[in-house]
C-alpha atoms as a PDB file:
ATOM      1  CA  MET A   1      91.606  88.697 110.862  1.00  0.00           C
ATOM      2  CA  ALA A   2      89.167  86.585 108.408  1.00  0.00           C
ATOM      3  CA  TRP A   3      90.973  84.526 105.114  1.00  0.00           C
ATOM      4  CA  ASP A   4      89.195  83.872 102.898  1.00  0.00           C
ATOM      5  CA  GLN A   5      89.810  80.532 101.194  1.00  0.00           C
ATOM      6  CA  GLN A   6      92.214  81.528  98.558  1.00  0.00           C
ATOM      7  CA  GLN A   7      94.666  83.171 100.798  1.00  0.00           C
ATOM      8  CA  LEU A   8      93.876  80.013 103.224  1.00  0.00           C
ATOM      9  CA  ALA A   9      94.922  77.445 100.497  1.00  0.00           C
ATOM     10  CA  ASN A  10      98.008  79.294  99.857  1.00  0.00           C
ATOM     11  CA  ALA A  11      98.735  79.398 103.614  1.00  0.00           C
ATOM     12  CA  GLN A  12      98.689  75.495 103.420  1.00  0.00           C
ATOM     13  CA  THR A  13     100.747  75.159 100.302  1.00  0.00           C
ATOM     14  CA  ILE A  14     103.314  77.584 101.920  1.00  0.00           C
ATOM     15  CA  ILE A  15     103.454  75.511 104.871  1.00  0.00           C
ATOM     16  CA  LYS A  16     103.235  71.930 103.531  1.00  0.00           C
ATOM     17  CA  VAL A  17     106.689  72.668 101.369  1.00  0.00           C
ATOM     18  CA  GLY A  18     108.217  74.258 104.774  1.00  0.00           C
ATOM     19  CA  LEU A  19     107.623  71.251 105.879  1.00  0.00           C
ATOM     20  CA  GLY A  20     108.921  69.204 103.516  1.00  0.00           C
ATOM     21  CA  LEU A  21     112.090  71.030 103.309  1.00  0.00           C
ATOM     22  CA  GLY A  22     112.384  70.843 107.155  1.00  0.00           C
ATOM     23  CA  MET A  23     112.426  74.598 107.735  1.00  0.00           C
ATOM     24  CA  SER A  24     111.335  75.897 111.149  1.00  0.00           C
ATOM     25  CA  ARG A  25     108.108  77.332 112.463  1.00  0.00           C
ATOM     26  CA  ARG A  26     109.909  80.741 112.360  1.00  0.00           C
ATOM     27  CA  ASP A  27     111.228  80.086 108.800  1.00  0.00           C
ATOM     28  CA  ILE A  28     107.433  79.275 107.958  1.00  0.00           C
ATOM     29  CA  ARG A  29     106.664  82.236 109.776  1.00  0.00           C
ATOM     30  CA  ILE A  30     108.936  84.456 107.683  1.00  0.00           C
ATOM     31  CA  GLY A  31     107.354  82.760 104.627  1.00  0.00           C
ATOM     32  CA  LEU A  32     103.820  83.763 105.123  1.00  0.00           C
ATOM     33  CA  MET A  33     104.970  86.856 106.826  1.00  0.00           C
ATOM     34  CA  VAL A  34     106.767  88.026 103.163  1.00  0.00           C
ATOM     35  CA  ALA A  35     103.410  86.130 100.906  1.00  0.00           C
ATOM     36  CA  LEU A  36     101.269  88.138 103.289  1.00  0.00           C
ATOM     37  CA  GLN A  37     102.852  91.599 102.092  1.00  0.00           C
ATOM     38  CA  GLU A  38     104.110  90.947  98.729  1.00  0.00           C
ATOM     39  CA  SER A  39     100.860  89.713  97.404  1.00  0.00           C
ATOM     40  CA  GLY A  40      98.035  89.425 100.311  1.00  0.00           C
ATOM     41  CA  LEU A  41      98.840  85.482 100.153  1.00  0.00           C
ATOM     42  CA  ARG A  42      97.018  85.913  96.659  1.00  0.00           C
ATOM     43  CA  ASN A  43      98.696  84.441  93.327  1.00  0.00           C
ATOM     44  CA  LEU A  44      98.586  87.140  91.183  1.00  0.00           C
ATOM     45  CA  ASP A  45      99.653  86.956  88.045  1.00  0.00           C
ATOM     46  CA  TYR A  46     100.743  90.592  87.728  1.00  0.00           C
ATOM     47  CA  GLY A  47     103.003  92.739  89.616  1.00  0.00           C
ATOM     48  CA  ASP A  48     105.503  95.363  89.494  1.00  0.00           C
ATOM     49  CA  ARG A  49     107.861  95.161  86.180  1.00  0.00           C
ATOM     50  CA  ASP A  50     108.035  91.101  85.525  1.00  0.00           C
ATOM     51  CA  SER A  51     106.820  90.844  89.150  1.00  0.00           C
ATOM     52  CA  LEU A  52     104.632  87.372  89.925  1.00  0.00           C
ATOM     53  CA  GLY A  53     102.928  84.873  92.194  1.00  0.00           C
ATOM     54  CA  ILE A  54     102.626  84.642  96.122  1.00  0.00           C
ATOM     55  CA  PHE A  55     106.291  86.297  96.726  1.00  0.00           C
ATOM     56  CA  GLN A  56     106.247  88.202  93.739  1.00  0.00           C
ATOM     57  CA  GLN A  57     108.888  86.466  92.580  1.00  0.00           C
ATOM     58  CA  ARG A  58     111.116  87.999  88.852  1.00  0.00           C
ATOM     59  CA  PRO A  59     112.038  85.676  86.224  1.00  0.00           C
ATOM     60  CA  SER A  60     114.054  87.815  85.035  1.00  0.00           C
ATOM     61  CA  GLN A  61     115.633  87.771  88.180  1.00  0.00           C
ATOM     62  CA  GLY A  62     116.257  84.007  88.027  1.00  0.00           C
ATOM     63  CA  TRP A  63     113.404  83.119  89.947  1.00  0.00           C
ATOM     64  CA  GLY A  64     111.620  80.766  87.142  1.00  0.00           C
ATOM     65  CA  THR A  65     109.802  81.349  84.229  1.00  0.00           C
ATOM     66  CA  PRO A  66     106.373  83.043  84.589  1.00  0.00           C
ATOM     67  CA  ASP A  67     104.442  79.430  84.763  1.00  0.00           C
ATOM     68  CA  GLN A  68     107.135  78.446  87.426  1.00  0.00           C
ATOM     69  CA  VAL A  69     106.578  81.319  89.591  1.00  0.00           C
ATOM     70  CA  THR A  70     102.875  81.427  89.402  1.00  0.00           C
ATOM     71  CA  ASN A  71     102.763  77.764  90.906  1.00  0.00           C
ATOM     72  CA  ALA A  72     102.473  78.232  94.469  1.00  0.00           C
ATOM     73  CA  GLU A  73     104.288  75.545  95.776  1.00  0.00           C
ATOM     74  CA  TYR A  74     107.251  76.117  93.272  1.00  0.00           C
ATOM     75  CA  ALA A  75     107.271  79.844  94.614  1.00  0.00           C
ATOM     76  CA  ALA A  76     107.257  78.530  98.037  1.00  0.00           C
ATOM     77  CA  GLN A  77     110.313  76.250  97.558  1.00  0.00           C
ATOM     78  CA  LYS A  78     112.399  78.663  96.190  1.00  0.00           C
ATOM     79  CA  PHE A  79     111.591  81.068  98.537  1.00  0.00           C
ATOM     80  CA  PHE A  80     112.521  78.699 101.357  1.00  0.00           C
ATOM     81  CA  ASN A  81     115.272  77.263  99.360  1.00  0.00           C
ATOM     82  CA  ALA A  82     116.926  80.789  99.026  1.00  0.00           C
ATOM     83  CA  LEU A  83     116.225  81.214 103.049  1.00  0.00           C
ATOM     84  CA  LYS A  84     118.393  78.274 103.822  1.00  0.00           C
ATOM     85  CA  GLY A  85     121.025  80.361 102.523  1.00  0.00           C
ATOM     86  CA  VAL A  86     121.273  83.004 104.653  1.00  0.00           C
ATOM     87  CA  LYS A  87     123.662  82.780 107.183  1.00  0.00           C
ATOM     88  CA  ASN A  88     122.897  83.316 110.921  1.00  0.00           C
ATOM     89  CA  ARG A  89     118.935  83.761 109.807  1.00  0.00           C
ATOM     90  CA  ASP A  90     117.676  82.802 114.121  1.00  0.00           C
ATOM     91  CA  GLU A  91     120.092  85.734 114.572  1.00  0.00           C
ATOM     92  CA  MET A  92     118.408  88.135 112.556  1.00  0.00           C
ATOM     93  CA  SER A  93     115.167  89.879 113.168  1.00  0.00           C
ATOM     94  CA  LEU A  94     112.144  87.960 111.226  1.00  0.00           C
ATOM     95  CA  THR A  95     111.820  91.380 108.408  1.00  0.00           C
ATOM     96  CA  LEU A  96     115.800  91.107 107.933  1.00  0.00           C
ATOM     97  CA  ALA A  97     116.069  87.523 107.427  1.00  0.00           C
ATOM     98  CA  GLY A  98     112.402  87.828 104.462  1.00  0.00           C
ATOM     99  CA  GLN A  99     114.411  90.786 103.521  1.00  0.00           C
ATOM    100  CA  ALA A 100     117.614  89.195 102.682  1.00  0.00           C
ATOM    101  CA  VAL A 101     115.850  86.660  99.972  1.00  0.00           C
ATOM    102  CA  GLN A 102     113.633  89.181  98.753  1.00  0.00           C
ATOM    103  CA  ARG A 103     115.355  92.575  98.982  1.00  0.00           C
ATOM    104  CA  SER A 104     112.328  94.554  99.216  1.00  0.00           C
ATOM    105  CA  ALA A 105     112.655  98.264  98.179  1.00  0.00           C
ATOM    106  CA  TYR A 106     110.471  98.578 101.497  1.00  0.00           C
ATOM    107  CA  PRO A 107     111.805  95.843 104.017  1.00  0.00           C
ATOM    108  CA  TYR A 108     110.359  97.166 106.903  1.00  0.00           C
ATOM    109  CA  ALA A 109     106.763  96.568 106.052  1.00  0.00           C
ATOM    110  CA  TYR A 110     107.088  92.997 106.848  1.00  0.00           C
ATOM    111  CA  ALA A 111     106.995  93.587 110.036  1.00  0.00           C
ATOM    112  CA  ASP A 112     103.260  94.499 109.602  1.00  0.00           C
ATOM    113  CA  ASP A 113     102.784  91.146 108.846  1.00  0.00           C
ATOM    114  CA  ALA A 114     104.510  89.164 111.509  1.00  0.00           C
ATOM    115  CA  ASP A 115     101.438  89.295 114.190  1.00  0.00           C
ATOM    116  CA  ASP A 116      99.034  87.663 110.907  1.00  0.00           C
ATOM    117  CA  ALA A 117     101.793  85.205 109.817  1.00  0.00           C
ATOM    118  CA  ALA A 118     101.924  83.441 113.775  1.00  0.00           C
ATOM    119  CA  GLN A 119      97.934  83.838 113.952  1.00  0.00           C
ATOM    120  CA  LEU A 120      97.776  81.965 110.158  1.00  0.00           C
ATOM    121  CA  LEU A 121     100.552  79.147 111.736  1.00  0.00           C
ATOM    122  CA  LYS A 122      97.836  78.725 114.517  1.00  0.00           C
ATOM    123  CA  GLN A 123      94.978  78.775 112.909  1.00  0.00           C
ATOM    124  CA  LEU A 124      96.317  76.065 110.611  1.00  0.00           C
ATOM    125  CA  GLY A 125      97.146  74.095 113.377  1.00  0.00           C
ATOM    126  CA  PHE A 126     100.223  74.851 114.655  1.00  0.00           C
ATOM    127  CA  SER A 127     101.451  77.312 117.870  1.00  0.00           C
ATOM    128  CA  GLY A 128     104.456  78.218 119.082  1.00  0.00           C
ATOM    129  CA  GLY A 129     107.564  78.282 117.240  1.00  0.00           C
ATOM    130  CA  GLY A 130     111.082  80.163 117.091  1.00  0.00           C
ATOM    131  CA  GLY A 131     114.724  79.229 116.671  1.00  0.00           C
ATOM    132  CA  ARG A 132     115.758  76.251 115.212  1.00  0.00           C
ATOM    133  CA  ASP A 133     112.293  74.175 116.327  1.00  0.00           C
ATOM    134  CA  THR A 134     112.580  72.178 113.249  1.00  0.00           C
ATOM    135  CA  PHE A 135     109.212  70.180 111.740  1.00  0.00           C
ATOM    136  CA  ARG A 136     110.412  66.373 112.040  1.00  0.00           C
ATOM    137  CA  GLN A 137     108.348  63.713 109.848  1.00  0.00           C
ATOM    138  CA  PRO A 138     108.144  60.518 111.494  1.00  0.00           C
ATOM    139  CA  LYS A 139     109.566  58.064 109.847  1.00  0.00           C
ATOM    140  CA  GLY A 140     106.947  56.107 107.569  1.00  0.00           C
ATOM    141  CA  GLN A 141     104.513  59.039 108.593  1.00  0.00           C
ATOM    142  CA  ASN A 142     103.055  61.438 105.697  1.00  0.00           C
ATOM    143  CA  ILE A 143     103.756  65.056 106.433  1.00  0.00           C
ATOM    144  CA  MET A 144     100.016  65.601 105.852  1.00  0.00           C
ATOM    145  CA  ASP A 145      99.552  63.122 108.340  1.00  0.00           C
ATOM    146  CA  GLN A 146     100.785  65.983 110.804  1.00  0.00           C
ATOM    147  CA  LEU A 147      98.663  68.888 109.925  1.00  0.00           C
ATOM    148  CA  GLY A 148      96.283  69.592 112.134  1.00  0.00           C
ATOM    149  CA  PRO A 149      92.215  69.586 111.136  1.00  0.00           C
ATOM    150  CA  GLU A 150      91.480  72.931 110.357  1.00  0.00           C
ATOM    151  CA  PHE A 151      94.683  72.862 107.808  1.00  0.00           C
ATOM    152  CA  LYS A 152      93.543  69.303 105.751  1.00  0.00           C
ATOM    153  CA  ALA A 153      89.859  71.272 105.510  1.00  0.00           C
ATOM    154  CA  ILE A 154      91.041  73.465 102.999  1.00  0.00           C
ATOM    155  CA  THR A 155      90.727  71.871  99.758  1.00  0.00           C
ATOM    156  CA  GLN A 156      90.518  74.951  96.935  1.00  0.00           C
ATOM    157  CA  PRO A 157      93.168  75.426  94.677  1.00  0.00           C
ATOM    158  CA  THR A 158      95.357  77.734  94.857  1.00  0.00           C
ATOM    159  CA  VAL A 159      95.363  79.730  91.096  1.00  0.00           C
ATOM    160  CA  PRO A 160      97.087  82.658  89.735  1.00  0.00           C
ATOM    161  CA  VAL A 161      94.427  85.928  89.785  1.00  0.00           C
ATOM    162  CA  PRO A 162      93.022  85.971  86.214  1.00  0.00           C
ATOM    163  CA  MET A 163      95.324  88.657  84.444  1.00  0.00           C
ATOM    164  CA  ALA A 164      91.766  90.058  82.705  1.00  0.00           C
ATOM    165  CA  GLN A 165      91.848  92.396  85.735  1.00  0.00           C
ATOM    166  CA  GLN A 166      94.454  94.280  84.219  1.00  0.00           C
ATOM    167  CA  LEU A 167      93.009  94.556  80.831  1.00  0.00           C
ATOM    168  CA  ALA A 168      92.054  97.890  80.352  1.00  0.00           C
ATOM    169  CA  PRO A 169      88.175  99.427  80.882  1.00  0.00           C
ATOM    170  CA  THR A 170      86.302 101.244  77.869  1.00  0.00           C
ATOM    171  CA  ALA A 171      87.584 104.640  77.378  1.00  0.00           C
ATOM    172  CA  ASP A 172      84.159 106.242  78.268  1.00  0.00           C
ATOM    173  CA  THR A 173      84.126 106.108  81.957  1.00  0.00           C
ATOM    174  CA  ILE A 174      81.866 107.142  84.156  1.00  0.00           C
ATOM    175  CA  LEU A 175      83.271 109.513  87.495  1.00  0.00           C
ATOM    176  CA  GLY A 176      84.608 107.397  89.759  1.00  0.00           C
ATOM    177  CA  ALA A 177      84.401 104.350  87.435  1.00  0.00           C
ATOM    178  CA  GLY A 178      87.874 103.549  86.133  1.00  0.00           C
ATOM    179  CA  PRO A 179      90.841 104.498  83.878  1.00  0.00           C
ATOM    180  CA  VAL A 180      91.812 104.179  80.627  1.00  0.00           C
ATOM    181  CA  LEU A 181      94.746 101.925  80.782  1.00  0.00           C
ATOM    182  CA  ALA A 182      97.464 102.655  78.325  1.00  0.00           C
ATOM    183  CA  PRO A 183     101.454 102.147  77.815  1.00  0.00           C
ATOM    184  CA  MET A 184     103.662 103.909  79.897  1.00  0.00           C
ATOM    185  CA  ASP A 185     107.126 103.400  80.880  1.00  0.00           C
ATOM    186  CA  PHE A 186     107.127 103.862  85.199  1.00  0.00           C
ATOM    187  CA  SER A 187     110.902 103.662  85.862  1.00  0.00           C
ATOM    188  CA  GLU A 188     110.725 107.249  86.616  1.00  0.00           C
ATOM    189  CA  ILE A 189     108.897 107.081  89.315  1.00  0.00           C
ATOM    190  CA  MET A 190     110.177 103.259  90.303  1.00  0.00           C
ATOM    191  CA  ALA A 191     110.727 104.081  94.316  1.00  0.00           C
ATOM    192  CA  PRO A 192     114.643 104.942  95.365  1.00  0.00           C
ATOM    193  CA  GLN A 193     116.990 102.531  97.089  1.00  0.00           C
ATOM    194  CA  TYR A 194     118.119 103.283 100.755  1.00  0.00           C
ATOM    195  CA  ASP A 195     121.260 101.665 102.246  1.00  0.00           C
ATOM    196  CA  THR A 196     120.716 101.612 106.044  1.00  0.00           C
ATOM    197  CA  GLU A 197     118.366 100.649 108.109  1.00  0.00           C
ATOM    198  CA  ASP A 198     116.888 103.919 109.210  1.00  0.00           C
ATOM    199  CA  ALA A 199     116.259 105.136 105.297  1.00  0.00           C
ATOM    200  CA  PHE A 200     114.516 101.772 105.206  1.00  0.00           C
ATOM    201  CA  LYS A 201     112.426 102.357 108.079  1.00  0.00           C
ATOM    202  CA  GLN A 202     111.540 106.154 106.645  1.00  0.00           C
ATOM    203  CA  ILE A 203     110.222 105.119 103.421  1.00  0.00           C
ATOM    204  CA  ALA A 204     108.664 101.913 104.882  1.00  0.00           C
ATOM    205  CA  ARG A 205     106.467 104.384 107.078  1.00  0.00           C
ATOM    206  CA  GLY A 206     105.912 106.719 104.089  1.00  0.00           C
ATOM    207  CA  GLY A 207     109.450 108.362 103.111  1.00  0.00           C
ATOM    208  CA  ARG A 208     111.119 111.253 104.056  1.00  0.00           C
ATOM    209  CA  GLY A 209     109.268 114.222 104.562  1.00  0.00           C
ATOM    210  CA  GLY A 210     105.434 115.079 104.922  1.00  0.00           C
ATOM    211  CA  GLY A 211     103.351 112.520 103.353  1.00  0.00           C
ATOM    212  CA  ALA A 212      99.192 111.917 103.378  1.00  0.00           C
ATOM    213  CA  ALA A 213     100.144 109.327 106.123  1.00  0.00           C
ATOM    214  CA  THR A 214     103.118 110.256 107.679  1.00  0.00           C
ATOM    215  CA  GLY A 215     103.971 107.567 110.325  1.00  0.00           C
ATOM    216  CA  ASP A 216     101.500 105.308 109.685  1.00  0.00           C
ATOM    217  CA  ALA A 217     102.041 104.651 105.884  1.00  0.00           C
ATOM    218  CA  GLY A 218     103.067 100.891 106.381  1.00  0.00           C
ATOM    219  CA  LYS A 219     100.368 100.055 108.706  1.00  0.00           C
ATOM    220  CA  MET A 220      97.589 101.758 105.931  1.00  0.00           C
ATOM    221  CA  LEU A 221      99.040 100.180 102.994  1.00  0.00           C
ATOM    222  CA  LYS A 222      98.599  97.043 104.399  1.00  0.00           C
ATOM    223  CA  PHE A 223      94.845  97.648 105.855  1.00  0.00           C
ATOM    224  CA  ALA A 224      94.136  98.962 102.069  1.00  0.00           C
ATOM    225  CA  LYS A 225      95.596  95.599 100.811  1.00  0.00           C
ATOM    226  CA  ARG A 226      93.011  93.391 103.126  1.00  0.00           C
ATOM    227  CA  PHE A 227      90.248  94.727 100.713  1.00  0.00           C
ATOM    228  CA  ILE A 228      91.820  93.236  97.981  1.00  0.00           C
ATOM    229  CA  GLY A 229      89.741  91.009  95.764  1.00  0.00           C
ATOM    230  CA  THR A 230      86.599  92.882  96.958  1.00  0.00           C
ATOM    231  CA  PRO A 231      83.913  93.879  94.630  1.00  0.00           C
ATOM    232  CA  TYR A 232      83.968  97.175  92.543  1.00  0.00           C
ATOM    233  CA  VAL A 233      80.553  98.428  93.472  1.00  0.00           C
ATOM    234  CA  TRP A 234      79.129 101.759  91.644  1.00  0.00           C
ATOM    235  CA  GLY A 235      78.455 104.181  94.610  1.00  0.00           C
ATOM    236  CA  GLY A 236      80.125 101.735  96.754  1.00  0.00           C
ATOM    237  CA  THR A 237      81.850 102.887 100.586  1.00  0.00           C
ATOM    238  CA  THR A 238      81.785  99.561 102.636  1.00  0.00           C
ATOM    239  CA  PRO A 239      83.527  96.575 102.365  1.00  0.00           C
ATOM    240  CA  SER A 240      81.090  94.884 101.111  1.00  0.00           C
ATOM    241  CA  GLY A 241      81.846  96.639  97.610  1.00  0.00           C
ATOM    242  CA  PHE A 242      83.894 100.021  97.053  1.00  0.00           C
ATOM    243  CA  ASP A 243      84.051 102.434  94.062  1.00  0.00           C
ATOM    244  CA  CYS A 244      87.376 103.639  93.220  1.00  0.00           C
ATOM    245  CA  SER A 245      87.013 107.165  95.927  1.00  0.00           C
ATOM    246  CA  GLY A 246      84.867 105.371  98.353  1.00  0.00           C
ATOM    247  CA  PHE A 247      87.665 102.727  98.718  1.00  0.00           C
ATOM    248  CA  THR A 248      90.219 105.480  99.350  1.00  0.00           C
ATOM    249  CA  GLN A 249      87.769 107.337 101.779  1.00  0.00           C
ATOM    250  CA  TYR A 250      87.278 104.127 103.630  1.00  0.00           C
ATOM    251  CA  VAL A 251      91.331 103.372 103.887  1.00  0.00           C
ATOM    252  CA  PHE A 252      92.040 107.016 105.040  1.00  0.00           C
ATOM    253  CA  LYS A 253      88.938 107.003 107.652  1.00  0.00           C
ATOM    254  CA  LYS A 254      90.369 104.479 109.283  1.00  0.00           C
ATOM    255  CA  PHE A 255      93.999 106.822 110.101  1.00  0.00           C
ATOM    256  CA  GLY A 256      91.968 109.580 110.809  1.00  0.00           C
ATOM    257  CA  ILE A 257      91.904 111.050 107.476  1.00  0.00           C
ATOM    258  CA  ASP A 258      88.332 112.280 106.486  1.00  0.00           C
ATOM    259  CA  LEU A 259      88.197 112.811 102.181  1.00  0.00           C
ATOM    260  CA  PRO A 260      85.164 114.262 100.613  1.00  0.00           C
ATOM    261  CA  ARG A 261      83.302 111.514  98.853  1.00  0.00           C
ATOM    262  CA  VAL A 262      83.779 111.469  95.388  1.00  0.00           C
ATOM    263  CA  SER A 263      86.955 111.314  93.647  1.00  0.00           C
ATOM    264  CA  ALA A 264      86.920 115.375  91.727  1.00  0.00           C
ATOM    265  CA  ASP A 265      86.653 116.301  95.591  1.00  0.00           C
ATOM    266  CA  GLN A 266      89.101 114.671  96.879  1.00  0.00           C
ATOM    267  CA  GLY A 267      91.625 115.673  93.841  1.00  0.00           C
ATOM    268  CA  ARG A 268      91.388 119.376  94.763  1.00  0.00           C
ATOM    269  CA  MET A 269      92.304 118.520  98.437  1.00  0.00           C
ATOM    270  CA  GLY A 270      96.381 119.267  99.840  1.00  0.00           C
ATOM    271  CA  LYS A 271      98.980 119.494  97.615  1.00  0.00           C
ATOM    272  CA  ARG A 272      99.167 118.890  94.224  1.00  0.00           C
ATOM    273  CA  ILE A 273     102.600 117.159  93.380  1.00  0.00           C
ATOM    274  CA  SER A 274     104.333 115.410  90.293  1.00  0.00           C
ATOM    275  CA  LEU A 275     104.768 111.941  90.348  1.00  0.00           C
ATOM    276  CA  ASP A 276     108.380 111.405  90.594  1.00  0.00           C
ATOM    277  CA  LYS A 277     107.614 112.862  94.587  1.00  0.00           C
ATOM    278  CA  LEU A 278     105.118 110.367  95.359  1.00  0.00           C
ATOM    279  CA  LYS A 279     105.562 108.420  98.513  1.00  0.00           C
ATOM    280  CA  PRO A 280     104.100 105.208  99.162  1.00  0.00           C
ATOM    281  CA  GLY A 281     100.766 106.406 101.143  1.00  0.00           C
ATOM    282  CA  GLU A 282      99.849 109.058  98.909  1.00  0.00           C
ATOM    283  CA  LEU A 283      96.662 110.090  96.433  1.00  0.00           C
ATOM    284  CA  VAL A 284      97.136 109.623  92.970  1.00  0.00           C
ATOM    285  CA  PHE A 285      94.108 110.753  90.359  1.00  0.00           C
ATOM    286  CA  TRP A 286      93.297 110.884  86.813  1.00  0.00           C
ATOM    287  CA  ASP A 287      91.642 113.309  84.851  1.00  0.00           C
ATOM    288  CA  ASN A 288      90.364 110.997  81.569  1.00  0.00           C
ATOM    289  CA  SER A 289      86.833 112.079  80.474  1.00  0.00           C
ATOM    290  CA  ALA A 290      86.158 115.272  79.436  1.00  0.00           C
ATOM    291  CA  ARG A 291      82.284 114.949  80.953  1.00  0.00           C
ATOM    292  CA  ASN A 292      83.912 115.342  84.302  1.00  0.00           C
ATOM    293  CA  ASN A 293      85.822 118.225  86.047  1.00  0.00           C
ATOM    294  CA  GLY A 294      89.212 117.208  87.267  1.00  0.00           C
ATOM    295  CA  ALA A 295      89.594 114.225  88.703  1.00  0.00           C
ATOM    296  CA  ASP A 296      87.663 110.730  87.862  1.00  0.00           C
ATOM    297  CA  HIS A 297      89.538 107.645  89.223  1.00  0.00           C
ATOM    298  CA  VAL A 298      91.708 107.543  92.359  1.00  0.00           C
ATOM    299  CA  ALA A 299      93.907 105.180  94.046  1.00  0.00           C
ATOM    300  CA  ILE A 300      96.748 104.504  96.619  1.00  0.00           C
ATOM    301  CA  TYR A 301     100.536 104.478  95.793  1.00  0.00           C
ATOM    302  CA  LEU A 302     102.256 101.839  97.347  1.00  0.00           C
ATOM    303  CA  GLY A 303     105.914 102.598  96.063  1.00  0.00           C
ATOM    304  CA  ASN A 304     107.675 100.918  93.495  1.00  0.00           C
ATOM    305  CA  GLY A 305     106.143 101.981  90.881  1.00  0.00           C
ATOM    306  CA  LYS A 306     102.506 100.170  92.094  1.00  0.00           C
ATOM    307  CA  ILE A 307      99.091 101.497  93.225  1.00  0.00           C
ATOM    308  CA  ILE A 308      96.369  99.550  94.782  1.00  0.00           C
ATOM    309  CA  GLU A 309      92.924 101.172  93.548  1.00  0.00           C
ATOM    310  CA  ALA A 310      89.498 100.070  92.802  1.00  0.00           C
ATOM    311  CA  PRO A 311      88.856 100.200  89.160  1.00  0.00           C
ATOM    312  CA  ARG A 312      85.946  99.677  87.292  1.00  0.00           C
ATOM    313  CA  PRO A 313      82.793  98.242  87.214  1.00  0.00           C
ATOM    314  CA  GLY A 314      82.996  94.449  86.882  1.00  0.00           C
ATOM    315  CA  ARG A 315      86.462  94.464  88.447  1.00  0.00           C
ATOM    316  CA  SER A 316      87.822  93.923  92.113  1.00  0.00           C
ATOM    317  CA  VAL A 317      90.245  95.439  94.150  1.00  0.00           C
ATOM    318  CA  GLN A 318      93.592  94.472  93.307  1.00  0.00           C
ATOM    319  CA  ILE A 319      97.493  95.978  92.712  1.00  0.00           C
ATOM    320  CA  SER A 320      98.141  97.489  89.555  1.00  0.00           C
ATOM    321  CA  SER A 321     101.233  98.835  87.913  1.00  0.00           C
ATOM    322  CA  MET A 322     101.340 103.031  87.832  1.00  0.00           C
ATOM    323  CA  TYR A 323      99.760 103.997  84.149  1.00  0.00           C
ATOM    324  CA  ASP A 324      98.720 106.183  82.079  1.00  0.00           C
ATOM    325  CA  GLN A 325     101.660 108.996  83.271  1.00  0.00           C
ATOM    326  CA  ALA A 326     100.072 112.023  80.730  1.00  0.00           C
ATOM    327  CA  ASN A 327      96.858 111.959  82.559  1.00  0.00           C
ATOM    328  CA  ALA A 328      97.695 111.702  86.097  1.00  0.00           C
ATOM    329  CA  TRP A 329      99.254 113.536  89.011  1.00  0.00           C
ATOM    330  CA  GLY A 330     100.089 112.926  93.023  1.00  0.00           C
ATOM    331  CA  VAL A 331      97.950 114.636  95.621  1.00  0.00           C
ATOM    332  CA  ARG A 332      99.996 115.140  99.128  1.00  0.00           C
ATOM    333  CA  LEU A 333      97.931 116.084 102.302  1.00  0.00           C
END
């Protein structure tokens, strides 16, 4: 997979912090894996409820202030210090070790990023790893001296993605260009918590029952997140630029589901369902313009009150919290 400079810079920070704390290659791989799943290795200043930063840490849960958790170095330190406190983590799967820190509603989605995390370590100058193979800093040697040339070459600073990406578009939208953002209470569509590994696996695959991508939801959502930051282009249907329905069409096509080109036609497919029935990998539609007949915006539901969407001109593919419930509905294919 190709990584952009922002992603590589954040990976660099995670590795550097892990080195400084004496974490193992396995631990650092877990950190990269979790950050890939939670934010796509982007230092987000938005997320579900008050989740922020590369690890989507919540200030309300004691991870730090908003300014702190959107500092990539601070966030990585908090993650690794918490990981240090996980007993027998080397005997756990990578996924469960990461979940012991994050307590995600979708822990088995982390497994989809394990190979990419290993590839990042290799690309940035580290191969192999596992067990308690810790990075030891030779006496008198700076940590940065241990890093490979690919690692040292990354100079772009890691900064939060601007909150402006979440600001409301104008009400006068065009077909497929995006919804009018409005305050809403999305607590009623928060994903349920399950207690067993089997149930976690089910929800990571797309929930209980026949959703739009049953069996492939986790992989599909991981694929969709690769395009975070791709610019909105009216009529766009490729990774060089997407509009809202072009994005959903492209992602679903990868997994063998052919969607019509425009959001209005996509919204007429499958079974219309209420928001509280949504499962990860299903579609969410909005009807927010009297000028158009039917849906004029579409997004993919990520679970836990989040969607991934190509919002409108001037924006990029992004993860957003659910909004404008009165004009929204789900579709199960």
